[in-house]
PDB file of N, CA and C in Angstrom:
ATOM      1  N   MET A   1     -12.886  14.384 122.734  1.00  0.00           N
ATOM      2  CA  MET A   1     -13.196  15.095 121.584  1.00  0.00           C
ATOM      3  C   MET A   1     -11.910  15.662 120.841  1.00  0.00           C
ATOM      4  N   SER A   2     -11.940  15.812 119.531  1.00  0.00           N
ATOM      5  CA  SER A   2     -10.865  16.296 118.738  1.00  0.00           C
ATOM      6  C   SER A   2     -10.573  17.629 118.760  1.00  0.00           C
ATOM      7  N   ASP A   3      -9.579  18.085 118.795  1.00  0.00           N
ATOM      8  CA  ASP A   3      -9.244  19.513 118.662  1.00  0.00           C
ATOM      9  C   ASP A   3      -9.099  19.833 116.918  1.00  0.00           C
ATOM     10  N   PHE A   4      -9.445  18.992 116.230  1.00  0.00           N
ATOM     11  CA  PHE A   4      -9.245  19.469 114.799  1.00  0.00           C
ATOM     12  C   PHE A   4      -9.907  20.659 114.321  1.00  0.00           C
ATOM     13  N   SER A   5      -9.151  21.570 113.620  1.00  0.00           N
ATOM     14  CA  SER A   5     -10.003  22.819 113.190  1.00  0.00           C
ATOM     15  C   SER A   5      -9.693  23.088 111.771  1.00  0.00           C
ATOM     16  N   LEU A   6     -10.428  24.095 111.198  1.00  0.00           N
ATOM     17  CA  LEU A   6     -10.324  24.373 110.054  1.00  0.00           C
ATOM     18  C   LEU A   6      -9.044  25.047 109.678  1.00  0.00           C
ATOM     19  N   LYS A   7      -8.296  25.565 110.504  1.00  0.00           N
ATOM     20  CA  LYS A   7      -6.818  25.839 110.395  1.00  0.00           C
ATOM     21  C   LYS A   7      -6.110  24.681 110.096  1.00  0.00           C
ATOM     22  N   ASP A   8      -6.046  23.507 110.895  1.00  0.00           N
ATOM     23  CA  ASP A   8      -5.609  22.417 110.451  1.00  0.00           C
ATOM     24  C   ASP A   8      -5.899  21.663 109.285  1.00  0.00           C
ATOM     25  N   LEU A   9      -7.048  21.724 108.698  1.00  0.00           N
ATOM     26  CA  LEU A   9      -7.516  21.381 107.379  1.00  0.00           C
ATOM     27  C   LEU A   9      -6.929  22.310 106.459  1.00  0.00           C
ATOM     28  N   GLU A  10      -6.804  23.637 106.525  1.00  0.00           N
ATOM     29  CA  GLU A  10      -6.332  24.433 105.699  1.00  0.00           C
ATOM     30  C   GLU A  10      -4.762  24.058 105.516  1.00  0.00           C
ATOM     31  N   GLU A  11      -3.947  23.452 106.355  1.00  0.00           N
ATOM     32  CA  GLU A  11      -2.493  23.505 106.386  1.00  0.00           C
ATOM     33  C   GLU A  11      -2.410  22.199 105.614  1.00  0.00           C
ATOM     34  N   ILE A  12      -3.293  21.066 105.951  1.00  0.00           N
ATOM     35  CA  ILE A  12      -3.376  19.692 105.129  1.00  0.00           C
ATOM     36  C   ILE A  12      -3.566  20.080 103.625  1.00  0.00           C
ATOM     37  N   VAL A  13      -4.590  20.770 103.043  1.00  0.00           N
ATOM     38  CA  VAL A  13      -4.960  20.957 102.083  1.00  0.00           C
ATOM     39  C   VAL A  13      -3.614  21.787 101.037  1.00  0.00           C
ATOM     40  N   ALA A  14      -3.030  22.996 101.870  1.00  0.00           N
ATOM     41  CA  ALA A  14      -1.963  23.490 101.165  1.00  0.00           C
ATOM     42  C   ALA A  14      -0.930  22.247 101.023  1.00  0.00           C
ATOM     43  N   GLN A  15      -0.540  21.481 102.084  1.00  0.00           N
ATOM     44  CA  GLN A  15       0.410  20.778 101.793  1.00  0.00           C
ATOM     45  C   GLN A  15       0.384  19.690 100.723  1.00  0.00           C
ATOM     46  N   ARG A  16      -1.014  19.067 100.584  1.00  0.00           N
ATOM     47  CA  ARG A  16      -1.285  18.368  99.633  1.00  0.00           C
ATOM     48  C   ARG A  16      -1.289  18.818  98.231  1.00  0.00           C
ATOM     49  N   ALA A  17      -1.707  20.047  98.133  1.00  0.00           N
ATOM     50  CA  ALA A  17      -1.733  20.986  96.977  1.00  0.00           C
ATOM     51  C   ALA A  17      -0.364  20.890  96.417  1.00  0.00           C
ATOM     52  N   ARG A  18       0.569  21.162  97.192  1.00  0.00           N
ATOM     53  CA  ARG A  18       2.056  21.323  96.776  1.00  0.00           C
ATOM     54  C   ARG A  18       2.739  19.842  96.387  1.00  0.00           C
ATOM     55  N   SER A  19       1.987  18.712  96.931  1.00  0.00           N
ATOM     56  CA  SER A  19       2.651  17.559  96.858  1.00  0.00           C
ATOM     57  C   SER A  19       2.777  16.956  95.578  1.00  0.00           C
ATOM     58  N   GLY A  20       1.865  17.452  94.526  1.00  0.00           N
ATOM     59  CA  GLY A  20       1.684  16.892  93.185  1.00  0.00           C
ATOM     60  C   GLY A  20       1.356  15.386  93.218  1.00  0.00           C
ATOM     61  N   GLU A  21       1.258  14.770  94.320  1.00  0.00           N
ATOM     62  CA  GLU A  21       0.974  13.452  94.292  1.00  0.00           C
ATOM     63  C   GLU A  21      -0.066  12.925  93.174  1.00  0.00           C
ATOM     64  N   ALA A  22      -0.006  11.876  92.295  1.00  0.00           N
ATOM     65  CA  ALA A  22      -0.883  11.470  91.413  1.00  0.00           C
ATOM     66  C   ALA A  22      -2.289  11.008  92.275  1.00  0.00           C
ATOM     67  N   ASP A  23      -1.944  10.389  93.379  1.00  0.00           N
ATOM     68  CA  ASP A  23      -3.223   9.814  94.085  1.00  0.00           C
ATOM     69  C   ASP A  23      -3.983  10.909  95.082  1.00  0.00           C
ATOM     70  N   SER A  24      -3.714  12.044  95.165  1.00  0.00           N
ATOM     71  CA  SER A  24      -4.058  13.214  95.876  1.00  0.00           C
ATOM     72  C   SER A  24      -5.268  13.778  95.067  1.00  0.00           C
ATOM     73  N   TRP A  25      -6.402  13.648  95.592  1.00  0.00           N
ATOM     74  CA  TRP A  25      -7.685  14.597  94.934  1.00  0.00           C
ATOM     75  C   TRP A  25      -7.269  15.789  95.120  1.00  0.00           C
ATOM     76  N   THR A  26      -6.803  16.376  96.220  1.00  0.00           N
ATOM     77  CA  THR A  26      -6.318  17.633  96.367  1.00  0.00           C
ATOM     78  C   THR A  26      -5.461  18.257  95.142  1.00  0.00           C
ATOM     79  N   ALA A  27      -4.334  17.658  95.139  1.00  0.00           N
ATOM     80  CA  ALA A  27      -3.256  17.734  94.092  1.00  0.00           C
ATOM     81  C   ALA A  27      -3.957  17.953  92.567  1.00  0.00           C
ATOM     82  N   LYS A  28      -4.897  16.863  92.432  1.00  0.00           N
ATOM     83  CA  LYS A  28      -5.621  16.880  91.062  1.00  0.00           C
ATOM     84  C   LYS A  28      -6.446  18.241  90.960  1.00  0.00           C
ATOM     85  N   LEU A  29      -7.121  18.602  92.078  1.00  0.00           N
ATOM     86  CA  LEU A  29      -7.902  20.091  91.935  1.00  0.00           C
ATOM     87  C   LEU A  29      -7.172  21.111  91.665  1.00  0.00           C
ATOM     88  N   PHE A  30      -6.060  21.018  92.472  1.00  0.00           N
ATOM     89  CA  PHE A  30      -5.107  22.421  92.291  1.00  0.00           C
ATOM     90  C   PHE A  30      -4.735  22.398  90.903  1.00  0.00           C
ATOM     91  N   ALA A  31      -4.433  21.274  90.447  1.00  0.00           N
ATOM     92  CA  ALA A  31      -3.927  21.392  88.938  1.00  0.00           C
ATOM     93  C   ALA A  31      -4.885  21.721  87.918  1.00  0.00           C
ATOM     94  N   LYS A  32      -6.038  21.452  88.220  1.00  0.00           N
ATOM     95  CA  LYS A  32      -7.085  21.833  87.335  1.00  0.00           C
ATOM     96  C   LYS A  32      -7.423  23.468  87.643  1.00  0.00           C
ATOM     97  N   GLY A  33      -7.152  23.718  88.532  1.00  0.00           N
ATOM     98  CA  GLY A  33      -7.387  25.271  88.766  1.00  0.00           C
ATOM     99  C   GLY A  33      -8.798  25.519  89.410  1.00  0.00           C
ATOM    100  N   MET A  34      -8.943  26.789  89.493  1.00  0.00           N
ATOM    101  CA  MET A  34      -9.871  27.528  90.222  1.00  0.00           C
ATOM    102  C   MET A  34     -11.165  27.078  89.353  1.00  0.00           C
ATOM    103  N   PRO A  35     -11.468  27.015  88.073  1.00  0.00           N
ATOM    104  CA  PRO A  35     -12.888  26.613  87.570  1.00  0.00           C
ATOM    105  C   PRO A  35     -13.301  25.386  88.055  1.00  0.00           C
ATOM    106  N   LYS A  36     -12.311  24.464  88.274  1.00  0.00           N
ATOM    107  CA  LYS A  36     -12.875  23.021  88.628  1.00  0.00           C
ATOM    108  C   LYS A  36     -13.287  23.066  90.154  1.00  0.00           C
ATOM    109  N   ALA A  37     -12.336  23.606  90.775  1.00  0.00           N
ATOM    110  CA  ALA A  37     -12.540  23.763  92.312  1.00  0.00           C
ATOM    111  C   ALA A  37     -13.755  24.493  92.658  1.00  0.00           C
ATOM    112  N   ALA A  38     -14.003  25.460  92.111  1.00  0.00           N
ATOM    113  CA  ALA A  38     -15.229  26.420  92.340  1.00  0.00           C
ATOM    114  C   ALA A  38     -16.586  25.403  91.856  1.00  0.00           C
ATOM    115  N   GLN A  39     -16.351  24.755  90.710  1.00  0.00           N
ATOM    116  CA  GLN A  39     -17.369  23.728  90.241  1.00  0.00           C
ATOM    117  C   GLN A  39     -17.734  23.055  91.484  1.00  0.00           C
ATOM    118  N   LYS A  40     -16.815  22.172  91.918  1.00  0.00           N
ATOM    119  CA  LYS A  40     -16.905  21.144  93.129  1.00  0.00           C
ATOM    120  C   LYS A  40     -17.544  22.052  94.143  1.00  0.00           C
ATOM    121  N   LEU A  41     -17.204  23.110  94.625  1.00  0.00           N
ATOM    122  CA  LEU A  41     -17.829  23.774  95.741  1.00  0.00           C
ATOM    123  C   LEU A  41     -19.210  23.978  95.531  1.00  0.00           C
ATOM    124  N   GLY A  42     -19.612  24.359  94.518  1.00  0.00           N
ATOM    125  CA  GLY A  42     -20.843  24.772  94.033  1.00  0.00           C
ATOM    126  C   GLY A  42     -21.884  23.413  94.312  1.00  0.00           C
ATOM    127  N   GLU A  43     -21.186  22.199  93.687  1.00  0.00           N
ATOM    128  CA  GLU A  43     -21.890  20.928  93.691  1.00  0.00           C
ATOM    129  C   GLU A  43     -22.149  20.524  95.008  1.00  0.00           C
ATOM    130  N   GLU A  44     -21.044  20.668  95.748  1.00  0.00           N
ATOM    131  CA  GLU A  44     -21.090  20.302  97.359  1.00  0.00           C
ATOM    132  C   GLU A  44     -22.217  21.130  98.326  1.00  0.00           C
ATOM    133  N   SER A  45     -22.164  22.620  97.708  1.00  0.00           N
ATOM    134  CA  SER A  45     -23.095  23.420  98.434  1.00  0.00           C
ATOM    135  C   SER A  45     -24.432  22.811  98.132  1.00  0.00           C
ATOM    136  N   VAL A  46     -25.045  22.655  97.018  1.00  0.00           N
ATOM    137  CA  VAL A  46     -26.188  22.071  96.409  1.00  0.00           C
ATOM    138  C   VAL A  46     -26.468  20.699  97.267  1.00  0.00           C
ATOM    139  N   GLU A  47     -25.527  19.883  97.351  1.00  0.00           N
ATOM    140  CA  GLU A  47     -25.846  18.665  97.898  1.00  0.00           C
ATOM    141  C   GLU A  47     -25.904  18.888  99.639  1.00  0.00           C
ATOM    142  N   THR A  48     -25.256  19.933 100.030  1.00  0.00           N
ATOM    143  CA  THR A  48     -25.455  20.173 101.442  1.00  0.00           C
ATOM    144  C   THR A  48     -27.054  20.433 101.618  1.00  0.00           C
ATOM    145  N   VAL A  49     -27.296  21.652 100.940  1.00  0.00           N
ATOM    146  CA  VAL A  49     -28.664  22.174 101.059  1.00  0.00           C
ATOM    147  C   VAL A  49     -29.790  20.875 100.848  1.00  0.00           C
ATOM    148  N   ILE A  50     -29.546  20.079  99.955  1.00  0.00           N
ATOM    149  CA  ILE A  50     -30.460  18.775  99.846  1.00  0.00           C
ATOM    150  C   ILE A  50     -30.424  18.063 100.980  1.00  0.00           C
ATOM    151  N   ALA A  51     -29.672  17.870 101.378  1.00  0.00           N
ATOM    152  CA  ALA A  51     -29.367  17.013 102.636  1.00  0.00           C
ATOM    153  C   ALA A  51     -30.144  17.553 104.061  1.00  0.00           C
ATOM    154  N   ALA A  52     -29.951  19.065 103.991  1.00  0.00           N
ATOM    155  CA  ALA A  52     -30.561  19.746 105.184  1.00  0.00           C
ATOM    156  C   ALA A  52     -32.202  19.705 104.817  1.00  0.00           C
ATOM    157  N   VAL A  53     -32.735  19.987 103.656  1.00  0.00           N
ATOM    158  CA  VAL A  53     -34.011  19.871 103.286  1.00  0.00           C
ATOM    159  C   VAL A  53     -34.546  18.428 103.605  1.00  0.00           C
ATOM    160  N   ARG A  54     -33.995  17.602 103.284  1.00  0.00           N
ATOM    161  CA  ARG A  54     -34.399  16.185 103.599  1.00  0.00           C
ATOM    162  C   ARG A  54     -34.475  15.813 105.209  1.00  0.00           C
ATOM    163  N   GLY A  55     -33.683  16.460 105.999  1.00  0.00           N
ATOM    164  CA  GLY A  55     -33.643  16.176 107.506  1.00  0.00           C
ATOM    165  C   GLY A  55     -32.820  15.051 107.638  1.00  0.00           C
ATOM    166  N   ASP A  56     -31.794  14.885 106.783  1.00  0.00           N
ATOM    167  CA  ASP A  56     -31.025  13.637 106.764  1.00  0.00           C
ATOM    168  C   ASP A  56     -29.592  13.987 107.658  1.00  0.00           C
ATOM    169  N   ALA A  57     -29.603  14.023 108.825  1.00  0.00           N
ATOM    170  CA  ALA A  57     -28.608  14.551 109.767  1.00  0.00           C
ATOM    171  C   ALA A  57     -27.279  14.054 109.319  1.00  0.00           C
ATOM    172  N   LYS A  58     -27.292  12.646 109.168  1.00  0.00           N
ATOM    173  CA  LYS A  58     -25.763  11.870 108.780  1.00  0.00           C
ATOM    174  C   LYS A  58     -25.269  12.688 107.533  1.00  0.00           C
ATOM    175  N   GLU A  59     -26.373  12.632 106.538  1.00  0.00           N
ATOM    176  CA  GLU A  59     -25.872  13.302 105.112  1.00  0.00           C
ATOM    177  C   GLU A  59     -25.408  14.345 105.235  1.00  0.00           C
ATOM    178  N   LEU A  60     -26.172  15.379 106.038  1.00  0.00           N
ATOM    179  CA  LEU A  60     -25.633  16.737 106.191  1.00  0.00           C
ATOM    180  C   LEU A  60     -24.421  16.869 106.554  1.00  0.00           C
ATOM    181  N   VAL A  61     -24.146  15.912 107.836  1.00  0.00           N
ATOM    182  CA  VAL A  61     -22.593  16.001 108.539  1.00  0.00           C
ATOM    183  C   VAL A  61     -21.800  15.646 107.111  1.00  0.00           C
ATOM    184  N   SER A  62     -21.872  14.710 106.480  1.00  0.00           N
ATOM    185  CA  SER A  62     -20.843  14.143 105.325  1.00  0.00           C
ATOM    186  C   SER A  62     -20.766  15.372 104.406  1.00  0.00           C
ATOM    187  N   GLU A  63     -22.099  15.831 103.929  1.00  0.00           N
ATOM    188  CA  GLU A  63     -21.817  16.969 102.882  1.00  0.00           C
ATOM    189  C   GLU A  63     -21.176  18.129 103.269  1.00  0.00           C
ATOM    190  N   SER A  64     -21.591  18.406 104.611  1.00  0.00           N
ATOM    191  CA  SER A  64     -21.018  19.650 105.232  1.00  0.00           C
ATOM    192  C   SER A  64     -19.348  19.571 105.339  1.00  0.00           C
ATOM    193  N   ALA A  65     -18.895  18.272 105.629  1.00  0.00           N
ATOM    194  CA  ALA A  65     -17.632  18.209 105.311  1.00  0.00           C
ATOM    195  C   ALA A  65     -16.876  18.200 104.029  1.00  0.00           C
ATOM    196  N   ASP A  66     -17.717  17.846 102.945  1.00  0.00           N
ATOM    197  CA  ASP A  66     -17.151  17.899 101.614  1.00  0.00           C
ATOM    198  C   ASP A  66     -17.262  19.417 101.100  1.00  0.00           C
ATOM    199  N   LEU A  67     -18.334  20.050 101.767  1.00  0.00           N
ATOM    200  CA  LEU A  67     -18.360  21.430 101.415  1.00  0.00           C
ATOM    201  C   LEU A  67     -17.275  22.478 102.194  1.00  0.00           C
ATOM    202  N   LEU A  68     -17.009  22.243 103.273  1.00  0.00           N
ATOM    203  CA  LEU A  68     -15.978  22.725 103.988  1.00  0.00           C
ATOM    204  C   LEU A  68     -14.427  22.526 103.449  1.00  0.00           C
ATOM    205  N   TYR A  69     -14.296  21.171 102.780  1.00  0.00           N
ATOM    206  CA  TYR A  69     -13.107  20.804 102.499  1.00  0.00           C
ATOM    207  C   TYR A  69     -13.022  21.636 101.052  1.00  0.00           C
ATOM    208  N   HIS A  70     -13.907  21.603 100.049  1.00  0.00           N
ATOM    209  CA  HIS A  70     -13.940  22.470  98.908  1.00  0.00           C
ATOM    210  C   HIS A  70     -13.610  23.946  98.958  1.00  0.00           C
ATOM    211  N   TRP A  71     -14.434  24.259 100.057  1.00  0.00           N
ATOM    212  CA  TRP A  71     -14.267  25.873 100.362  1.00  0.00           C
ATOM    213  C   TRP A  71     -12.900  26.205 100.517  1.00  0.00           C
ATOM    214  N   LEU A  72     -12.282  25.399 101.538  1.00  0.00           N
ATOM    215  CA  LEU A  72     -10.787  25.606 101.696  1.00  0.00           C
ATOM    216  C   LEU A  72      -9.877  25.561 100.496  1.00  0.00           C
ATOM    217  N   VAL A  73     -10.038  24.411  99.640  1.00  0.00           N
ATOM    218  CA  VAL A  73      -9.384  24.379  98.270  1.00  0.00           C
ATOM    219  C   VAL A  73      -9.445  25.789  97.633  1.00  0.00           C
ATOM    220  N   VAL A  74     -10.924  26.149  97.566  1.00  0.00           N
ATOM    221  CA  VAL A  74     -11.012  27.501  96.595  1.00  0.00           C
ATOM    222  C   VAL A  74     -10.394  28.484  97.301  1.00  0.00           C
ATOM    223  N   LEU A  75     -10.333  28.712  98.756  1.00  0.00           N
ATOM    224  CA  LEU A  75      -9.785  29.823  99.289  1.00  0.00           C
ATOM    225  C   LEU A  75      -8.081  29.587  99.197  1.00  0.00           C
ATOM    226  N   THR A  76      -7.562  28.361  99.306  1.00  0.00           N
ATOM    227  CA  THR A  76      -6.308  28.302  99.043  1.00  0.00           C
ATOM    228  C   THR A  76      -5.686  28.620  97.704  1.00  0.00           C
ATOM    229  N   ILE A  77      -6.510  28.031  96.695  1.00  0.00           N
ATOM    230  CA  ILE A  77      -6.105  28.628  95.374  1.00  0.00           C
ATOM    231  C   ILE A  77      -6.270  30.075  95.131  1.00  0.00           C
ATOM    232  N   ALA A  78      -7.058  30.694  95.711  1.00  0.00           N
ATOM    233  CA  ALA A  78      -7.386  32.079  95.627  1.00  0.00           C
ATOM    234  C   ALA A  78      -6.260  32.985  96.372  1.00  0.00           C
ATOM    235  N   GLY A  79      -5.464  32.162  97.195  1.00  0.00           N
ATOM    236  CA  GLY A  79      -4.407  33.027  98.403  1.00  0.00           C
ATOM    237  C   GLY A  79      -5.087  33.636  99.329  1.00  0.00           C
ATOM    238  N   VAL A  80      -6.500  33.004  99.590  1.00  0.00           N
ATOM    239  CA  VAL A  80      -7.240  33.752 100.946  1.00  0.00           C
ATOM    240  C   VAL A  80      -7.139  32.759 101.824  1.00  0.00           C
ATOM    241  N   PRO A  81      -6.265  33.109 103.097  1.00  0.00           N
ATOM    242  CA  PRO A  81      -6.227  32.213 104.368  1.00  0.00           C
ATOM    243  C   PRO A  81      -7.593  32.340 104.953  1.00  0.00           C
ATOM    244  N   VAL A  82      -7.973  31.232 105.559  1.00  0.00           N
ATOM    245  CA  VAL A  82      -9.055  31.385 106.403  1.00  0.00           C
ATOM    246  C   VAL A  82      -9.099  32.345 107.543  1.00  0.00           C
ATOM    247  N   SER A  83      -8.053  32.594 107.828  1.00  0.00           N
ATOM    248  CA  SER A  83      -8.080  33.768 109.015  1.00  0.00           C
ATOM    249  C   SER A  83      -8.633  35.052 108.619  1.00  0.00           C
ATOM    250  N   ASP A  84      -8.610  35.152 107.321  1.00  0.00           N
ATOM    251  CA  ASP A  84      -9.142  36.317 106.895  1.00  0.00           C
ATOM    252  C   ASP A  84     -10.686  36.309 106.842  1.00  0.00           C
ATOM    253  N   VAL A  85     -11.282  35.329 106.521  1.00  0.00           N
ATOM    254  CA  VAL A  85     -12.773  34.999 106.532  1.00  0.00           C
ATOM    255  C   VAL A  85     -13.160  35.029 107.970  1.00  0.00           C
ATOM    256  N   MET A  86     -12.280  34.641 108.992  1.00  0.00           N
ATOM    257  CA  MET A  86     -12.549  34.609 110.551  1.00  0.00           C
ATOM    258  C   MET A  86     -12.604  35.836 110.920  1.00  0.00           C
ATOM    259  N   LYS A  87     -11.668  36.698 110.350  1.00  0.00           N
ATOM    260  CA  LYS A  87     -11.471  38.361 110.920  1.00  0.00           C
ATOM    261  C   LYS A  87     -12.715  38.965 110.492  1.00  0.00           C
ATOM    262  N   GLU A  88     -13.302  38.575 109.150  1.00  0.00           N
ATOM    263  CA  GLU A  88     -14.478  39.290 108.508  1.00  0.00           C
ATOM    264  C   GLU A  88     -15.825  38.839 109.351  1.00  0.00           C
ATOM    265  N   LEU A  89     -15.716  37.533 109.759  1.00  0.00           N
ATOM    266  CA  LEU A  89     -17.059  37.006 110.557  1.00  0.00           C
ATOM    267  C   LEU A  89     -16.610  37.846 112.075  1.00  0.00           C
ATOM    268  N   GLU A  90     -15.498  38.052 112.512  1.00  0.00           N
ATOM    269  CA  GLU A  90     -15.433  38.444 114.136  1.00  0.00           C
ATOM    270  C   GLU A  90     -16.119  39.968 113.861  1.00  0.00           C
ATOM    271  N   ARG A  91     -15.628  40.724 112.709  1.00  0.00           N
ATOM    272  CA  ARG A  91     -16.009  42.101 112.663  1.00  0.00           C
ATOM    273  C   ARG A  91     -17.624  42.135 112.580  1.00  0.00           C
ATOM    274  N   ARG A  92     -18.155  41.201 111.933  1.00  0.00           N
ATOM    275  CA  ARG A  92     -19.383  41.380 111.617  1.00  0.00           C
ATOM    276  C   ARG A  92     -20.260  41.026 112.863  1.00  0.00           C
ATOM    277  N   THR A  93     -19.490  40.300 113.934  1.00  0.00           N
ATOM    278  CA  THR A  93     -20.293  40.047 115.295  1.00  0.00           C
ATOM    279  C   THR A  93     -20.479  41.624 116.023  1.00  0.00           C
ATOM    280  N   GLY A  94     -19.900  42.572 115.691  1.00  0.00           N
ATOM    281  CA  GLY A  94     -20.196  43.760 116.446  1.00  0.00           C
ATOM    282  C   GLY A  94     -21.323  44.574 116.082  1.00  0.00           C
ATOM    283  N   GLN A  95     -22.136  43.969 115.186  1.00  0.00           N
ATOM    284  CA  GLN A  95     -23.522  44.660 114.807  1.00  0.00           C
ATOM    285  C   GLN A  95     -24.353  43.607 114.492  1.00  0.00           C
ATOM    286  N   SER A  96     -25.749  43.821 114.452  1.00  0.00           N
ATOM    287  CA  SER A  96     -26.669  42.865 114.063  1.00  0.00           C
ATOM    288  C   SER A  96     -26.486  42.428 112.843  1.00  0.00           C
ATOM    289  N   GLY A  97     -27.153  41.262 112.499  1.00  0.00           N
ATOM    290  CA  GLY A  97     -27.055  40.813 111.072  1.00  0.00           C
ATOM    291  C   GLY A  97     -27.903  41.506 110.329  1.00  0.00           C
ATOM    292  N   VAL A  98     -29.152  42.170 110.611  1.00  0.00           N
ATOM    293  CA  VAL A  98     -29.856  42.933 109.703  1.00  0.00           C
ATOM    294  C   VAL A  98     -29.109  44.374 109.549  1.00  0.00           C
ATOM    295  N   ALA A  99     -28.463  44.888 110.405  1.00  0.00           N
ATOM    296  CA  ALA A  99     -27.431  46.118 110.226  1.00  0.00           C
ATOM    297  C   ALA A  99     -26.396  45.725 109.280  1.00  0.00           C
ATOM    298  N   GLU A 100     -25.836  44.798 109.583  1.00  0.00           N
ATOM    299  CA  GLU A 100     -24.610  44.300 108.634  1.00  0.00           C
ATOM    300  C   GLU A 100     -24.977  44.144 107.058  1.00  0.00           C
ATOM    301  N   LYS A 101     -26.072  43.553 107.007  1.00  0.00           N
ATOM    302  CA  LYS A 101     -26.412  43.236 105.677  1.00  0.00           C
ATOM    303  C   LYS A 101     -27.063  44.609 104.913  1.00  0.00           C
ATOM    304  N   ALA A 102     -27.581  45.454 105.810  1.00  0.00           N
ATOM    305  CA  ALA A 102     -28.198  46.633 105.009  1.00  0.00           C
ATOM    306  C   ALA A 102     -26.923  47.580 104.733  1.00  0.00           C
ATOM    307  N   SER A 103     -25.745  47.275 105.465  1.00  0.00           N
ATOM    308  CA  SER A 103     -24.492  48.154 105.249  1.00  0.00           C
ATOM    309  C   SER A 103     -24.027  47.896 103.898  1.00  0.00           C
ATOM    310  N   ARG A 104     -24.072  46.647 103.323  1.00  0.00           N
ATOM    311  CA  ARG A 104     -23.513  46.137 102.139  1.00  0.00           C
ATOM    312  C   ARG A 104     -23.876  47.079 100.893  1.00  0.00           C
ATOM    313  N   LYS A 105     -23.156  47.401 100.089  1.00  0.00           N
ATOM    314  CA  LYS A 105     -23.298  48.252  98.883  1.00  0.00           C
ATOM    315  C   LYS A 105     -24.060  47.512  97.909  1.00  0.00           C
ATOM    316  N   ASN A 106     -23.835  46.216  97.696  1.00  0.00           N
ATOM    317  CA  ASN A 106     -24.569  45.465  96.451  1.00  0.00           C
ATOM    318  C   ASN A 106     -25.901  44.948  96.891  1.00  0.00           C
ATOM    319  N   ASP A 107     -26.292  44.829  97.932  1.00  0.00           N
ATOM    320  CA  ASP A 107     -27.644  44.419  98.182  1.00  0.00           C
ATOM    321  C   ASP A 107     -28.710  45.275  98.306  1.00  0.00           C
TER     322      ASP A 107
END
């Protein structure tokens, strides 16, 4: 089993973004900026949901990989390290999901 992690992928995304290589999808996304990256994240989110609803496990794995990749691109463009998201998730594990959701101001 591989030890490949979101942190590893985050580092690859950052490296390829800086590369400016013409054949790098990551570099192209970074050049187009947040609007395009966010659009792709939204598209992959929908495709992941569709695969889940259809019960297509193979497609769900593929779309989930696309979703995580585009999510990391968006985070990287925004200057938000994945560790910040993980810290927030860790903070939330200290209470029930119902209590955490109720504590949010905008819900």
